[in-house]
Amino acid sequence: MIRVAFVIGGYPPEEHKRRADVALSYSTAEIQVGIVDVAATPYFYGMTPTEIQLVAPAFIESFKRAEKEGYDAVVPLGTLDLGVDGGKSAVDIPVVGPTEACLHVASLIGDRFGVMVYHPSLVTFSRAIIRRYGMESRIVGFGVSGFDLPDLAAHHDEVVANFVGEAKKLVAQGAEVIYPMGISQCPVHIKPQWLQEQLGVPVVEGIGTPIRIAGMLAGLGLSQSRVRCPPCVQTKESLWQAMKLFYLSAAIILRRSRLTGRTSATR
C-alpha cells in the first residue's frame, strides 16, 4: 500500500480535526493517508508573504520526518504550497504542492479557470503563486468569499452564499473550472460535489487532488527531477543554524499574530 503524509499546521483542536478528517477521507484501498503535524500555523489574521517564507523550514523538517517514518509521498496542507520548493531538494519522496497539483489537474479538464480566495487582500500574492507555475494566462479572474480564515466557521452560511455567488460570476465570465484557492472554503466547509451541482462546472479542490496525485507519482515510481531539484547536501550543523533562525522568526510571527488578533477582534 502507498502511504501519503498530509502535513497539517497548528489549528485549534476542532479546526485541526476538520482538516484531518477530510484528508483521511481520501484514503483508498491503494492509498493510505496519514497525518503529520508541523509547528507552524496559518490560523491568524493578516498573513503576508513574509510569514509564508518564514515557515518554510518547519514544513521542510516535517517532510523529512515523513520520509523517515516510511511515507511514500508528502503533501502540505494549504494552497500556499508552503515549503514545497525547498522540500523537493530535502527529500527523495515526491513532494506535491496543492496549488501546483490543482492547476495541472484543472488544465486537463478545461482551458480557463476561476479562482476563489478568502479575502481581497489575498488576490495579489495568490496570483503570484499561479504565475510561478506558468498558469496565469488561464485565469479568468478571482472571486472572494469575504472572510479571513479564522472567521469562516462562525460565518459558514454567509461563506457558502458568497462563494457560490462569486463563482457563478466567474463561470459567466468564461471560467470552465473553479479552483478554491483556500482549502477551508472547499473541501473543508463546502463539499466539492455539491458545488459542482450548483455551478455546472468541475471544482478542483486542494486536499483530495494533491493527495491522489502524490499517490499516483509514488505508485509510478516517480519523484522530483534531481536536475530541477538538486539534493540538499548541507551538513547537520548548518541546517541547525538555519533552524535556530527559523525559531527566532517564528517567535516574532507569534507575537505579531497575537497583536493582530487583538486588533481584529475589535473590528
C-alpha atoms as a PDB file:
ATOM      1  CA  MET A   1       0.000   0.000   0.000  1.00  0.00           C
ATOM      2  CA  ILE A   2       1.182   3.526  -0.831  1.00  0.00           C
ATOM      3  CA  ARG A   3       1.392   5.852   2.177  1.00  0.00           C
ATOM      4  CA  VAL A   4       0.870   9.605   1.673  1.00  0.00           C
ATOM      5  CA  ALA A   5       1.639  12.033   4.508  1.00  0.00           C
ATOM      6  CA  PHE A   6      -0.592  15.093   4.838  1.00  0.00           C
ATOM      7  CA  VAL A   7       1.149  17.834   6.820  1.00  0.00           C
ATOM      8  CA  ILE A   8      -1.137  19.977   8.994  1.00  0.00           C
ATOM      9  CA  GLY A   9      -0.065  23.128  10.853  1.00  0.00           C
ATOM     10  CA  GLY A  10      -1.257  24.365  14.210  1.00  0.00           C
ATOM     11  CA  TYR A  11      -5.018  24.859  14.427  1.00  0.00           C
ATOM     12  CA  PRO A  12      -7.462  24.895  17.343  1.00  0.00           C
ATOM     13  CA  PRO A  13      -8.367  21.227  18.074  1.00  0.00           C
ATOM     14  CA  GLU A  14     -11.784  21.325  16.382  1.00  0.00           C
ATOM     15  CA  GLU A  15     -10.374  23.007  13.272  1.00  0.00           C
ATOM     16  CA  HIS A  16      -7.448  20.566  13.128  1.00  0.00           C
ATOM     17  CA  LYS A  17      -9.900  17.663  13.254  1.00  0.00           C
ATOM     18  CA  ARG A  18     -12.000  19.131  10.426  1.00  0.00           C
ATOM     19  CA  ARG A  19      -8.989  19.178   8.130  1.00  0.00           C
ATOM     20  CA  ALA A  20      -7.580  15.832   9.237  1.00  0.00           C
ATOM     21  CA  ASP A  21     -10.953  14.119   8.726  1.00  0.00           C
ATOM     22  CA  VAL A  22     -11.235  15.458   5.173  1.00  0.00           C
ATOM     23  CA  ALA A  23      -7.683  14.378   4.332  1.00  0.00           C
ATOM     24  CA  LEU A  24      -8.176  10.887   5.776  1.00  0.00           C
ATOM     25  CA  SER A  25     -11.396  10.501   3.768  1.00  0.00           C
ATOM     26  CA  TYR A  26      -9.278  10.405   0.594  1.00  0.00           C
ATOM     27  CA  SER A  27      -7.667   7.103   1.601  1.00  0.00           C
ATOM     28  CA  THR A  28      -8.432   4.228  -0.770  1.00  0.00           C
ATOM     29  CA  ALA A  29      -7.644   0.531  -0.990  1.00  0.00           C
ATOM     30  CA  GLU A  30      -4.345   1.538  -2.643  1.00  0.00           C
ATOM     31  CA  ILE A  31      -3.518   4.802  -0.804  1.00  0.00           C
ATOM     32  CA  GLN A  32      -3.294   5.222   2.956  1.00  0.00           C
ATOM     33  CA  VAL A  33      -3.307   8.843   4.148  1.00  0.00           C
ATOM     34  CA  GLY A  34      -1.574   9.717   7.423  1.00  0.00           C
ATOM     35  CA  ILE A  35      -1.334  12.993   9.351  1.00  0.00           C
ATOM     36  CA  VAL A  36       1.995  14.638  10.192  1.00  0.00           C
ATOM     37  CA  ASP A  37       1.846  17.761  12.346  1.00  0.00           C
ATOM     38  CA  VAL A  38       4.086  20.797  11.920  1.00  0.00           C
ATOM     39  CA  ALA A  39       4.943  23.572  14.394  1.00  0.00           C
ATOM     40  CA  ALA A  40       3.611  26.437  12.263  1.00  0.00           C
ATOM     41  CA  THR A  41       0.162  27.867  11.722  1.00  0.00           C
ATOM     42  CA  PRO A  42      -1.737  29.876   9.085  1.00  0.00           C
ATOM     43  CA  TYR A  43      -4.593  30.417  11.554  1.00  0.00           C
ATOM     44  CA  PHE A  44      -4.314  34.164  12.168  1.00  0.00           C
ATOM     45  CA  TYR A  45      -5.302  37.456  10.592  1.00  0.00           C
ATOM     46  CA  GLY A  46      -3.211  39.412   8.107  1.00  0.00           C
ATOM     47  CA  MET A  47      -0.897  36.799   6.584  1.00  0.00           C
ATOM     48  CA  THR A  48       1.718  38.263   4.234  1.00  0.00           C
ATOM     49  CA  PRO A  49       4.495  36.811   2.029  1.00  0.00           C
ATOM     50  CA  THR A  50       6.852  37.331   4.987  1.00  0.00           C
ATOM     51  CA  GLU A  51       5.087  34.720   7.115  1.00  0.00           C
ATOM     52  CA  ILE A  52       4.827  32.390   4.125  1.00  0.00           C
ATOM     53  CA  GLN A  53       8.599  32.411   3.659  1.00  0.00           C
ATOM     54  CA  LEU A  54       9.435  32.172   7.359  1.00  0.00           C
ATOM     55  CA  VAL A  55       7.532  28.934   7.959  1.00  0.00           C
ATOM     56  CA  ALA A  56       9.265  27.031   5.150  1.00  0.00           C
ATOM     57  CA  PRO A  57      11.947  25.446   7.434  1.00  0.00           C
ATOM     58  CA  ALA A  58       9.290  23.922   9.696  1.00  0.00           C
ATOM     59  CA  PHE A  59       7.471  22.380   6.734  1.00  0.00           C
ATOM     60  CA  ILE A  60      10.699  21.059   5.221  1.00  0.00           C
ATOM     61  CA  GLU A  61      11.536  19.435   8.548  1.00  0.00           C
ATOM     62  CA  SER A  62       8.097  17.778   8.567  1.00  0.00           C
ATOM     63  CA  PHE A  63       8.698  16.440   5.032  1.00  0.00           C
ATOM     64  CA  LYS A  64      11.958  14.889   6.239  1.00  0.00           C
ATOM     65  CA  ARG A  65      10.153  13.378   9.219  1.00  0.00           C
ATOM     66  CA  ALA A  66       7.502  11.889   6.925  1.00  0.00           C
ATOM     67  CA  GLU A  67      10.191  10.285   4.801  1.00  0.00           C
ATOM     68  CA  LYS A  68      11.904   8.834   7.893  1.00  0.00           C
ATOM     69  CA  GLU A  69       8.551   7.428   9.065  1.00  0.00           C
ATOM     70  CA  GLY A  70       8.245   5.469   5.835  1.00  0.00           C
ATOM     71  CA  TYR A  71       5.771   7.565   3.854  1.00  0.00           C
ATOM     72  CA  ASP A  72       5.998   7.278   0.067  1.00  0.00           C
ATOM     73  CA  ALA A  73       4.946  10.876  -0.702  1.00  0.00           C
ATOM     74  CA  VAL A  74       4.062  14.055   1.173  1.00  0.00           C
ATOM     75  CA  VAL A  75       1.576  16.918   0.724  1.00  0.00           C
ATOM     76  CA  PRO A  76       1.432  20.105   2.852  1.00  0.00           C
ATOM     77  CA  LEU A  77      -1.985  21.414   3.844  1.00  0.00           C
ATOM     78  CA  GLY A  78      -2.897  24.692   2.215  1.00  0.00           C
ATOM     79  CA  THR A  79      -2.800  26.226  -1.234  1.00  0.00           C
ATOM     80  CA  LEU A  80       0.219  28.420  -0.455  1.00  0.00           C
ATOM     81  CA  ASP A  81       2.414  25.362  -1.189  1.00  0.00           C
ATOM     82  CA  LEU A  82       4.418  26.007   1.964  1.00  0.00           C
ATOM     83  CA  GLY A  83       7.970  24.626   1.892  1.00  0.00           C
ATOM     84  CA  VAL A  84       7.395  22.802  -1.383  1.00  0.00           C
ATOM     85  CA  ASP A  85      10.304  24.213  -3.403  1.00  0.00           C
ATOM     86  CA  GLY A  86      12.882  23.577  -0.686  1.00  0.00           C
ATOM     87  CA  GLY A  87      11.252  20.319   0.342  1.00  0.00           C
ATOM     88  CA  LYS A  88      11.750  18.814  -3.086  1.00  0.00           C
ATOM     89  CA  SER A  89      15.507  19.090  -2.593  1.00  0.00           C
ATOM     90  CA  ALA A  90      15.366  17.910   1.024  1.00  0.00           C
ATOM     91  CA  VAL A  91      13.702  14.507   0.493  1.00  0.00           C
ATOM     92  CA  ASP A  92      13.635  11.792  -2.148  1.00  0.00           C
ATOM     93  CA  ILE A  93       9.896  11.040  -1.912  1.00  0.00           C
ATOM     94  CA  PRO A  94       7.509  13.111  -4.073  1.00  0.00           C
ATOM     95  CA  VAL A  95       6.545  16.488  -2.552  1.00  0.00           C
ATOM     96  CA  VAL A  96       3.298  17.740  -4.106  1.00  0.00           C
ATOM     97  CA  GLY A  97       2.042  21.298  -3.619  1.00  0.00           C
ATOM     98  CA  PRO A  98      -1.761  21.619  -3.570  1.00  0.00           C
ATOM     99  CA  THR A  99      -1.877  24.608  -5.925  1.00  0.00           C
ATOM    100  CA  GLU A 100       0.696  23.003  -8.192  1.00  0.00           C
ATOM    101  CA  ALA A 101      -1.409  19.827  -8.396  1.00  0.00           C
ATOM    102  CA  CYS A 102      -4.780  21.562  -8.744  1.00  0.00           C
ATOM    103  CA  LEU A 103      -3.679  23.839 -11.576  1.00  0.00           C
ATOM    104  CA  HIS A 104      -2.314  20.926 -13.569  1.00  0.00           C
ATOM    105  CA  VAL A 105      -5.413  18.798 -13.000  1.00  0.00           C
ATOM    106  CA  ALA A 106      -7.625  21.755 -13.919  1.00  0.00           C
ATOM    107  CA  SER A 107      -5.691  22.108 -17.173  1.00  0.00           C
ATOM    108  CA  LEU A 108      -6.659  18.528 -18.080  1.00  0.00           C
ATOM    109  CA  ILE A 109     -10.394  19.264 -17.891  1.00  0.00           C
ATOM    110  CA  GLY A 110     -10.635  22.894 -19.007  1.00  0.00           C
ATOM    111  CA  ASP A 111      -8.747  25.799 -20.533  1.00  0.00           C
ATOM    112  CA  ARG A 112      -9.931  28.734 -18.389  1.00  0.00           C
ATOM    113  CA  PHE A 113     -10.104  28.780 -14.582  1.00  0.00           C
ATOM    114  CA  GLY A 114     -11.865  30.877 -11.963  1.00  0.00           C
ATOM    115  CA  VAL A 115     -10.048  31.144  -8.634  1.00  0.00           C
ATOM    116  CA  MET A 116     -11.787  31.669  -5.288  1.00  0.00           C
ATOM    117  CA  VAL A 117      -9.846  33.111  -2.323  1.00  0.00           C
ATOM    118  CA  TYR A 118     -10.871  34.045   1.209  1.00  0.00           C
ATOM    119  CA  HIS A 119     -10.319  37.783   1.221  1.00  0.00           C
ATOM    120  CA  PRO A 120      -9.471  40.573  -1.264  1.00  0.00           C
ATOM    121  CA  SER A 121      -6.074  41.047   0.395  1.00  0.00           C
ATOM    122  CA  LEU A 122      -5.045  37.565  -0.806  1.00  0.00           C
ATOM    123  CA  VAL A 123      -5.592  38.135  -4.526  1.00  0.00           C
ATOM    124  CA  THR A 124      -2.201  39.698  -5.300  1.00  0.00           C
ATOM    125  CA  PHE A 125       0.086  37.033  -3.893  1.00  0.00           C
ATOM    126  CA  SER A 126      -2.295  34.233  -4.912  1.00  0.00           C
ATOM    127  CA  ARG A 127      -1.861  35.498  -8.455  1.00  0.00           C
ATOM    128  CA  ALA A 128       1.920  35.470  -7.945  1.00  0.00           C
ATOM    129  CA  ILE A 129       1.843  31.794  -6.894  1.00  0.00           C
ATOM    130  CA  ILE A 130      -0.178  30.912 -10.003  1.00  0.00           C
ATOM    131  CA  ARG A 131       2.235  32.930 -12.170  1.00  0.00           C
ATOM    132  CA  ARG A 132       5.141  30.910 -10.764  1.00  0.00           C
ATOM    133  CA  TYR A 133       3.520  27.753 -12.160  1.00  0.00           C
ATOM    134  CA  GLY A 134       3.050  29.355 -15.583  1.00  0.00           C
ATOM    135  CA  MET A 135      -0.750  29.317 -15.392  1.00  0.00           C
ATOM    136  CA  GLU A 136      -1.659  32.995 -15.057  1.00  0.00           C
ATOM    137  CA  SER A 137      -2.836  33.249 -18.664  1.00  0.00           C
ATOM    138  CA  ARG A 138      -5.502  30.616 -17.947  1.00  0.00           C
ATOM    139  CA  ILE A 139      -7.131  32.628 -15.139  1.00  0.00           C
ATOM    140  CA  VAL A 140     -10.434  34.340 -15.963  1.00  0.00           C
ATOM    141  CA  GLY A 141     -10.495  36.160 -12.637  1.00  0.00           C
ATOM    142  CA  PHE A 142     -10.643  35.925  -8.849  1.00  0.00           C
ATOM    143  CA  GLY A 143     -13.655  35.779  -6.571  1.00  0.00           C
ATOM    144  CA  VAL A 144     -13.672  36.252  -2.789  1.00  0.00           C
ATOM    145  CA  SER A 145     -15.800  34.546  -0.166  1.00  0.00           C
ATOM    146  CA  GLY A 146     -15.291  37.600   2.038  1.00  0.00           C
ATOM    147  CA  PHE A 147     -13.876  36.323   5.353  1.00  0.00           C
ATOM    148  CA  ASP A 148     -10.423  35.744   6.804  1.00  0.00           C
ATOM    149  CA  LEU A 149      -9.555  32.142   7.646  1.00  0.00           C
ATOM    150  CA  PRO A 150     -10.270  32.350  11.427  1.00  0.00           C
ATOM    151  CA  ASP A 151     -13.774  33.723  10.735  1.00  0.00           C
ATOM    152  CA  LEU A 152     -15.014  31.088   8.283  1.00  0.00           C
ATOM    153  CA  ALA A 153     -16.584  28.645  10.746  1.00  0.00           C
ATOM    154  CA  ALA A 154     -18.557  31.378  12.529  1.00  0.00           C
ATOM    155  CA  HIS A 155     -19.934  32.663   9.210  1.00  0.00           C
ATOM    156  CA  HIS A 156     -20.469  29.338   7.448  1.00  0.00           C
ATOM    157  CA  ASP A 157     -23.765  30.165   5.697  1.00  0.00           C
ATOM    158  CA  GLU A 158     -22.507  33.547   4.504  1.00  0.00           C
ATOM    159  CA  VAL A 159     -19.299  31.966   3.218  1.00  0.00           C
ATOM    160  CA  VAL A 160     -21.271  29.383   1.227  1.00  0.00           C
ATOM    161  CA  ALA A 161     -23.624  32.000  -0.238  1.00  0.00           C
ATOM    162  CA  ASN A 162     -20.764  34.371  -1.118  1.00  0.00           C
ATOM    163  CA  PHE A 163     -18.698  31.584  -2.631  1.00  0.00           C
ATOM    164  CA  VAL A 164     -21.499  30.322  -4.866  1.00  0.00           C
ATOM    165  CA  GLY A 165     -22.435  33.837  -5.966  1.00  0.00           C
ATOM    166  CA  GLU A 166     -18.871  34.849  -6.794  1.00  0.00           C
ATOM    167  CA  ALA A 167     -18.072  31.545  -8.516  1.00  0.00           C
ATOM    168  CA  LYS A 168     -21.171  31.852 -10.699  1.00  0.00           C
ATOM    169  CA  LYS A 169     -19.913  35.274 -11.826  1.00  0.00           C
ATOM    170  CA  LEU A 170     -16.593  33.689 -12.809  1.00  0.00           C
ATOM    171  CA  VAL A 171     -18.402  30.984 -14.788  1.00  0.00           C
ATOM    172  CA  ALA A 172     -20.423  33.700 -16.541  1.00  0.00           C
ATOM    173  CA  GLN A 173     -17.113  35.383 -17.452  1.00  0.00           C
ATOM    174  CA  GLY A 174     -15.876  32.198 -19.119  1.00  0.00           C
ATOM    175  CA  ALA A 175     -14.415  30.033 -16.359  1.00  0.00           C
ATOM    176  CA  GLU A 176     -14.659  26.350 -17.267  1.00  0.00           C
ATOM    177  CA  VAL A 177     -13.211  25.100 -13.971  1.00  0.00           C
ATOM    178  CA  ILE A 178     -13.360  26.579 -10.451  1.00  0.00           C
ATOM    179  CA  TYR A 179     -10.335  26.299  -8.177  1.00  0.00           C
ATOM    180  CA  PRO A 180     -10.984  27.133  -4.478  1.00  0.00           C
ATOM    181  CA  MET A 181      -7.552  28.531  -3.564  1.00  0.00           C
ATOM    182  CA  GLY A 182      -8.151  28.040   0.131  1.00  0.00           C
ATOM    183  CA  ILE A 183      -8.980  24.547   1.379  1.00  0.00           C
ATOM    184  CA  SER A 184     -11.033  25.850   4.311  1.00  0.00           C
ATOM    185  CA  GLN A 185     -13.591  27.103   1.789  1.00  0.00           C
ATOM    186  CA  CYS A 186     -13.704  23.817  -0.105  1.00  0.00           C
ATOM    187  CA  PRO A 187     -13.493  20.929   0.697  1.00  0.00           C
ATOM    188  CA  VAL A 188     -13.480  21.677   4.472  1.00  0.00           C
ATOM    189  CA  HIS A 189     -16.669  23.794   4.744  1.00  0.00           C
ATOM    190  CA  ILE A 190     -18.212  23.216   1.303  1.00  0.00           C
ATOM    191  CA  LYS A 191     -18.308  19.815  -0.406  1.00  0.00           C
ATOM    192  CA  PRO A 192     -16.925  19.909  -3.967  1.00  0.00           C
ATOM    193  CA  GLN A 193     -19.624  17.594  -5.354  1.00  0.00           C
ATOM    194  CA  TRP A 194     -22.362  19.931  -4.087  1.00  0.00           C
ATOM    195  CA  LEU A 195     -20.528  22.930  -5.558  1.00  0.00           C
ATOM    196  CA  GLN A 196     -20.277  21.264  -8.943  1.00  0.00           C
ATOM    197  CA  GLU A 197     -24.057  20.763  -8.936  1.00  0.00           C
ATOM    198  CA  GLN A 198     -24.604  24.446  -8.108  1.00  0.00           C
ATOM    199  CA  LEU A 199     -22.095  25.789 -10.637  1.00  0.00           C
ATOM    200  CA  GLY A 200     -22.351  23.361 -13.539  1.00  0.00           C
ATOM    201  CA  VAL A 201     -18.548  23.156 -13.942  1.00  0.00           C
ATOM    202  CA  PRO A 202     -15.818  20.985 -12.350  1.00  0.00           C
ATOM    203  CA  VAL A 203     -14.420  22.077  -8.972  1.00  0.00           C
ATOM    204  CA  VAL A 204     -10.800  21.073  -8.319  1.00  0.00           C
ATOM    205  CA  GLU A 205     -10.130  21.204  -4.575  1.00  0.00           C
ATOM    206  CA  GLY A 206      -6.820  21.311  -2.701  1.00  0.00           C
ATOM    207  CA  ILE A 207      -6.868  18.275  -0.389  1.00  0.00           C
ATOM    208  CA  GLY A 208      -8.023  15.242  -2.362  1.00  0.00           C
ATOM    209  CA  THR A 209      -6.387  16.373  -5.606  1.00  0.00           C
ATOM    210  CA  PRO A 210      -2.783  16.632  -4.341  1.00  0.00           C
ATOM    211  CA  ILE A 211      -3.145  13.527  -2.172  1.00  0.00           C
ATOM    212  CA  ARG A 212      -4.255  11.419  -5.134  1.00  0.00           C
ATOM    213  CA  ILE A 213      -1.582  12.958  -7.406  1.00  0.00           C
ATOM    214  CA  ALA A 214       1.074  12.201  -4.770  1.00  0.00           C
ATOM    215  CA  GLY A 215      -0.154   8.620  -4.551  1.00  0.00           C
ATOM    216  CA  MET A 216      -0.079   8.281  -8.326  1.00  0.00           C
ATOM    217  CA  LEU A 217       3.515   9.560  -8.551  1.00  0.00           C
ATOM    218  CA  ALA A 218       4.668   7.202  -5.809  1.00  0.00           C
ATOM    219  CA  GLY A 219       2.859   4.290  -7.458  1.00  0.00           C
ATOM    220  CA  LEU A 220       4.561   5.018 -10.774  1.00  0.00           C
ATOM    221  CA  GLY A 221       7.968   5.243  -9.113  1.00  0.00           C
ATOM    222  CA  LEU A 222       8.286   8.933  -9.987  1.00  0.00           C
ATOM    223  CA  SER A 223       9.660  11.800  -7.919  1.00  0.00           C
ATOM    224  CA  GLN A 224      11.064  15.284  -8.473  1.00  0.00           C
ATOM    225  CA  SER A 225      13.870  15.538 -11.022  1.00  0.00           C
ATOM    226  CA  ARG A 226      17.332  15.902  -9.485  1.00  0.00           C
ATOM    227  CA  VAL A 227      18.265  18.144 -12.415  1.00  0.00           C
ATOM    228  CA  ARG A 228      15.463  20.551 -11.447  1.00  0.00           C
ATOM    229  CA  CYS A 229      15.724  19.944  -7.674  1.00  0.00           C
ATOM    230  CA  PRO A 230      19.310  19.011  -6.710  1.00  0.00           C
ATOM    231  CA  PRO A 231      19.539  17.112  -3.400  1.00  0.00           C
ATOM    232  CA  CYS A 232      20.388  19.172  -0.338  1.00  0.00           C
ATOM    233  CA  VAL A 233      23.981  18.487   0.809  1.00  0.00           C
ATOM    234  CA  GLN A 234      24.112  20.837   3.787  1.00  0.00           C
ATOM    235  CA  THR A 235      25.628  19.471   6.986  1.00  0.00           C
ATOM    236  CA  LYS A 236      23.551  18.881  10.070  1.00  0.00           C
ATOM    237  CA  GLU A 237      25.287  21.818  11.774  1.00  0.00           C
ATOM    238  CA  SER A 238      24.458  24.322   9.017  1.00  0.00           C
ATOM    239  CA  LEU A 239      20.860  23.138   8.949  1.00  0.00           C
ATOM    240  CA  TRP A 240      20.682  23.553  12.721  1.00  0.00           C
ATOM    241  CA  GLN A 241      21.835  27.171  12.371  1.00  0.00           C
ATOM    242  CA  ALA A 242      19.060  27.730   9.840  1.00  0.00           C
ATOM    243  CA  MET A 243      16.524  26.167  12.209  1.00  0.00           C
ATOM    244  CA  LYS A 244      17.627  28.475  15.050  1.00  0.00           C
ATOM    245  CA  LEU A 245      16.954  31.452  12.790  1.00  0.00           C
ATOM    246  CA  PHE A 246      13.554  29.959  11.991  1.00  0.00           C
ATOM    247  CA  TYR A 247      12.555  29.610  15.634  1.00  0.00           C
ATOM    248  CA  LEU A 248      13.542  33.221  16.275  1.00  0.00           C
ATOM    249  CA  SER A 249      11.409  34.263  13.295  1.00  0.00           C
ATOM    250  CA  ALA A 250       8.532  32.091  14.485  1.00  0.00           C
ATOM    251  CA  ALA A 251       8.546  33.871  17.849  1.00  0.00           C
ATOM    252  CA  ILE A 252       8.228  37.201  16.029  1.00  0.00           C
ATOM    253  CA  ILE A 253       5.338  35.860  13.922  1.00  0.00           C
ATOM    254  CA  LEU A 254       3.544  34.542  17.009  1.00  0.00           C
ATOM    255  CA  ARG A 255       3.820  37.897  18.759  1.00  0.00           C
ATOM    256  CA  ARG A 256       2.591  39.694  15.635  1.00  0.00           C
ATOM    257  CA  SER A 257      -0.367  37.342  15.157  1.00  0.00           C
ATOM    258  CA  ARG A 258      -1.439  37.791  18.771  1.00  0.00           C
ATOM    259  CA  LEU A 259      -1.324  41.565  18.422  1.00  0.00           C
ATOM    260  CA  THR A 260      -3.214  41.410  15.123  1.00  0.00           C
ATOM    261  CA  GLY A 261      -5.782  39.053  16.623  1.00  0.00           C
ATOM    262  CA  ARG A 262      -6.492  41.504  19.437  1.00  0.00           C
ATOM    263  CA  THR A 263      -6.835  44.318  16.919  1.00  0.00           C
ATOM    264  CA  SER A 264      -9.122  42.371  14.586  1.00  0.00           C
ATOM    265  CA  ALA A 265     -11.362  41.353  17.477  1.00  0.00           C
ATOM    266  CA  THR A 266     -12.465  44.988  17.693  1.00  0.00           C
ATOM    267  CA  ARG A 267     -13.491  45.148  14.022  1.00  0.00           C
END
